Amino acid sequence: MNRTLVMIIGMIAAFAQQGYTQNASSLGANSTATIVSAIKIEVLPGDNSDLKFGTIIAHTTQNGTVTVSPAGQRTISTGYLTAIGSTHASAQFKVTGQPNVSISVMLPSNPVTITSAGGQTMTVDEFSADAGAGVALNDSGSKTVNVGGKLHVGAGQASANYTGTFSVTFSY
């Protein structure tokens, strides 16, 4: 009897397993991903990567501003400043990445201070890019982006060379 009971239980277990297996099904699914080239920013040959306002004569009692457009054109806001020579230029950034993909351009939102060796300061703000807030990389995955800004010159601003740094961020 024990032997018969063991056989019956074994048969029930086998049928139950077989029934469970017959009710199972599976389906495959694809997984996908797209990898794009990392954005790289290059400094152009020579001194083309700097935003240059050029040589300016400050007025003794009046403030003024000097704007360099992304196209490299310099404008004096008032008759109180005098620009000398043509050493002004917009900053240039060569951006490379995934061909034919749009990227965002983020410019400084706060004024940037430029300082002389003697500690005198001026501010630069109102940064603008010829690409606006975004640009599409070309078929080879590159684009040169030009950036301009506005320099605030104080009355009686000390004669000196002023330097400072600003950041431009490019992202997909």
Protein backbone atom coordinates (compact mmCIF):
# COMPACT_ATOMS: atom_id res chain seq x y z
CA MET A 1 0.00 0.00 0.00
CA ASN A 2 2.81 2.42 0.82
CA ARG A 3 4.34 1.65 -2.48
CA THR A 4 1.08 2.32 -4.30
CA LEU A 5 0.59 5.59 -2.40
CA VAL A 6 4.09 6.76 -3.27
CA MET A 7 3.49 5.94 -6.94
CA ILE A 8 0.18 7.81 -6.96
CA ILE A 9 1.76 10.89 -5.35
CA GLY A 10 4.64 10.74 -7.83
CA MET A 11 2.21 10.56 -10.77
CA ILE A 12 0.17 13.48 -9.45
CA ALA A 13 3.35 15.55 -9.07
CA ALA A 14 4.49 14.68 -12.60
CA PHE A 15 1.11 15.61 -14.11
CA ALA A 16 0.99 18.84 -12.12
CA GLN A 17 4.48 19.82 -13.32
CA GLN A 18 3.62 18.94 -16.89
CA GLY A 19 0.43 21.00 -16.73
CA TYR A 20 2.30 24.00 -15.30
CA THR A 21 4.92 23.86 -18.02
CA GLN A 22 2.29 23.69 -20.72
CA ASN A 23 0.65 26.89 -19.42
CA ALA A 24 3.90 28.96 -19.46
CA SER A 25 4.89 31.10 -22.43
CA SER A 26 7.64 33.62 -23.16
CA LEU A 27 8.23 36.46 -25.57
CA GLY A 28 11.49 38.19 -26.44
CA ALA A 29 11.90 41.98 -26.53
CA ASN A 30 14.63 44.14 -28.00
CA SER A 31 16.63 46.64 -25.99
CA THR A 32 18.14 49.66 -27.74
CA ALA A 33 20.40 52.59 -26.97
CA THR A 34 21.90 55.44 -28.96
CA ILE A 35 25.34 56.72 -28.07
CA VAL A 36 26.36 60.16 -29.30
CA SER A 37 29.80 61.71 -29.45
CA ALA A 38 30.79 63.77 -26.44
CA ILE A 39 30.81 67.52 -27.02
CA LYS A 40 34.31 68.95 -27.33
CA ILE A 41 35.26 72.62 -27.29
CA GLU A 42 38.45 73.72 -28.98
CA VAL A 43 40.46 76.88 -28.70
CA LEU A 44 40.97 78.26 -32.18
CA PRO A 45 44.52 78.87 -33.42
CA GLY A 46 46.13 82.15 -32.47
CA ASP A 47 44.37 84.47 -30.07
CA ASN A 48 40.85 84.01 -31.45
CA SER A 49 39.27 82.50 -28.37
CA ASP A 50 39.28 85.71 -26.29
CA LEU A 51 36.60 88.38 -26.11
CA LYS A 52 38.58 91.58 -26.77
CA PHE A 53 37.20 95.07 -26.26
CA GLY A 54 40.39 96.69 -27.57
CA THR A 55 42.07 99.87 -26.40
CA ILE A 56 39.75 102.46 -24.87
CA ILE A 57 40.28 105.95 -23.47
CA ALA A 58 38.09 106.44 -20.41
CA HIS A 59 36.47 109.82 -19.71
CA THR A 60 37.53 111.48 -16.49
CA THR A 61 34.00 112.16 -15.17
CA GLN A 62 31.56 110.00 -17.17
CA ASN A 63 30.90 106.25 -17.27
CA GLY A 64 30.43 104.42 -20.53
CA THR A 65 30.05 101.02 -22.12
CA VAL A 66 31.69 99.23 -25.00
CA THR A 67 29.88 96.38 -26.72
CA VAL A 68 31.45 93.78 -28.99
CA SER A 69 28.83 91.85 -30.94
CA PRO A 70 29.15 88.15 -31.78
CA ALA A 71 30.04 89.31 -35.30
CA GLY A 72 33.00 91.23 -33.82
CA GLN A 73 31.63 94.75 -34.28
CA ARG A 74 32.50 97.23 -31.53
CA THR A 75 30.07 99.93 -30.41
CA ILE A 76 30.68 102.74 -27.91
CA SER A 77 27.48 103.54 -26.00
CA THR A 78 28.21 107.18 -25.30
CA GLY A 79 30.41 109.93 -26.59
CA TYR A 80 32.39 109.80 -23.34
CA LEU A 81 34.67 106.93 -24.36
CA THR A 82 37.11 106.80 -27.25
CA ALA A 83 38.19 103.56 -28.94
CA ILE A 84 41.66 103.36 -30.44
CA GLY A 85 42.72 100.85 -33.10
CA SER A 86 41.00 97.70 -34.19
CA THR A 87 42.15 95.08 -31.69
CA HIS A 88 38.60 94.15 -30.70
CA ALA A 89 37.06 90.74 -31.45
CA SER A 90 34.36 88.37 -30.31
CA ALA A 91 35.37 85.16 -28.57
CA GLN A 92 35.27 82.08 -30.79
CA PHE A 93 34.62 78.51 -29.72
CA LYS A 94 34.85 75.54 -32.09
CA VAL A 95 32.34 72.98 -30.88
CA THR A 96 32.38 69.39 -32.12
CA GLY A 97 30.03 66.53 -31.38
CA GLN A 98 27.39 64.36 -33.03
CA PRO A 99 26.73 65.47 -36.66
CA ASN A 100 23.40 67.17 -37.37
CA VAL A 101 22.36 67.35 -33.72
CA SER A 102 21.21 70.51 -31.94
CA ILE A 103 23.11 71.73 -28.90
CA SER A 104 22.30 74.35 -26.28
CA VAL A 105 24.52 77.35 -25.60
CA MET A 106 24.50 78.67 -22.02
CA LEU A 107 26.15 82.05 -21.48
CA PRO A 108 26.96 83.72 -18.16
CA SER A 109 23.82 85.14 -16.57
CA ASN A 110 25.70 87.24 -14.03
CA PRO A 111 28.28 89.99 -14.65
CA VAL A 112 31.90 88.87 -14.84
CA THR A 113 34.62 90.98 -13.22
CA ILE A 114 37.83 91.70 -15.05
CA THR A 115 40.77 92.95 -13.00
CA SER A 116 44.03 94.82 -13.56
CA ALA A 117 47.36 93.87 -11.96
CA GLY A 118 46.79 96.78 -9.56
CA GLY A 119 43.40 95.42 -8.44
CA GLN A 120 41.12 97.86 -10.34
CA THR A 121 38.01 96.23 -11.81
CA MET A 122 35.42 96.54 -14.54
CA THR A 123 32.45 94.30 -15.32
CA VAL A 124 31.35 92.50 -18.46
CA ASP A 125 27.73 91.42 -18.93
CA GLU A 126 25.00 91.02 -21.55
CA PHE A 127 26.83 88.14 -23.20
CA SER A 128 25.38 87.07 -26.54
CA ALA A 129 26.14 84.35 -29.07
CA ASP A 130 25.58 84.31 -32.80
CA ALA A 131 23.95 80.94 -32.28
CA GLY A 132 21.39 82.34 -29.86
CA ALA A 133 20.40 79.76 -27.24
CA GLY A 134 21.00 76.82 -29.55
CA VAL A 135 22.77 75.68 -32.68
CA ALA A 136 22.82 72.62 -34.92
CA LEU A 137 26.16 70.98 -35.59
CA ASN A 138 26.87 70.54 -39.30
CA ASP A 139 27.29 67.29 -41.30
CA SER A 140 30.83 66.88 -39.97
CA GLY A 141 29.68 67.53 -36.38
CA SER A 142 31.22 70.95 -35.85
CA LYS A 143 30.28 74.60 -35.53
CA THR A 144 32.13 77.78 -34.60
CA VAL A 145 30.18 79.84 -32.08
CA ASN A 146 31.04 83.53 -31.60
CA VAL A 147 30.35 85.28 -28.29
CA GLY A 148 30.19 89.01 -27.58
CA GLY A 149 29.48 91.09 -24.50
CA LYS A 150 29.26 94.55 -22.94
CA LEU A 151 32.10 96.15 -20.94
CA HIS A 152 31.28 98.78 -18.30
CA VAL A 153 34.01 101.43 -18.04
CA GLY A 154 33.97 103.68 -14.99
CA ALA A 155 34.66 107.41 -14.99
CA GLY A 156 38.39 107.91 -14.57
CA GLN A 157 39.03 104.18 -15.01
CA ALA A 158 42.69 103.46 -14.25
CA SER A 159 44.99 102.86 -17.22
CA ALA A 160 45.92 99.16 -17.21
CA ASN A 161 45.39 95.83 -18.92
CA TYR A 162 42.33 94.08 -17.48
CA THR A 163 41.69 90.35 -17.67
CA GLY A 164 39.09 87.92 -16.45
CA THR A 165 37.44 84.66 -17.37
CA PHE A 166 33.93 83.72 -18.36
CA SER A 167 32.44 80.31 -19.10
CA VAL A 168 30.23 79.17 -21.93
CA THR A 169 28.53 75.78 -21.60
CA PHE A 170 27.49 73.63 -24.55
CA SER A 171 25.21 70.63 -24.03
CA TYR A 172 22.92 68.28 -25.96
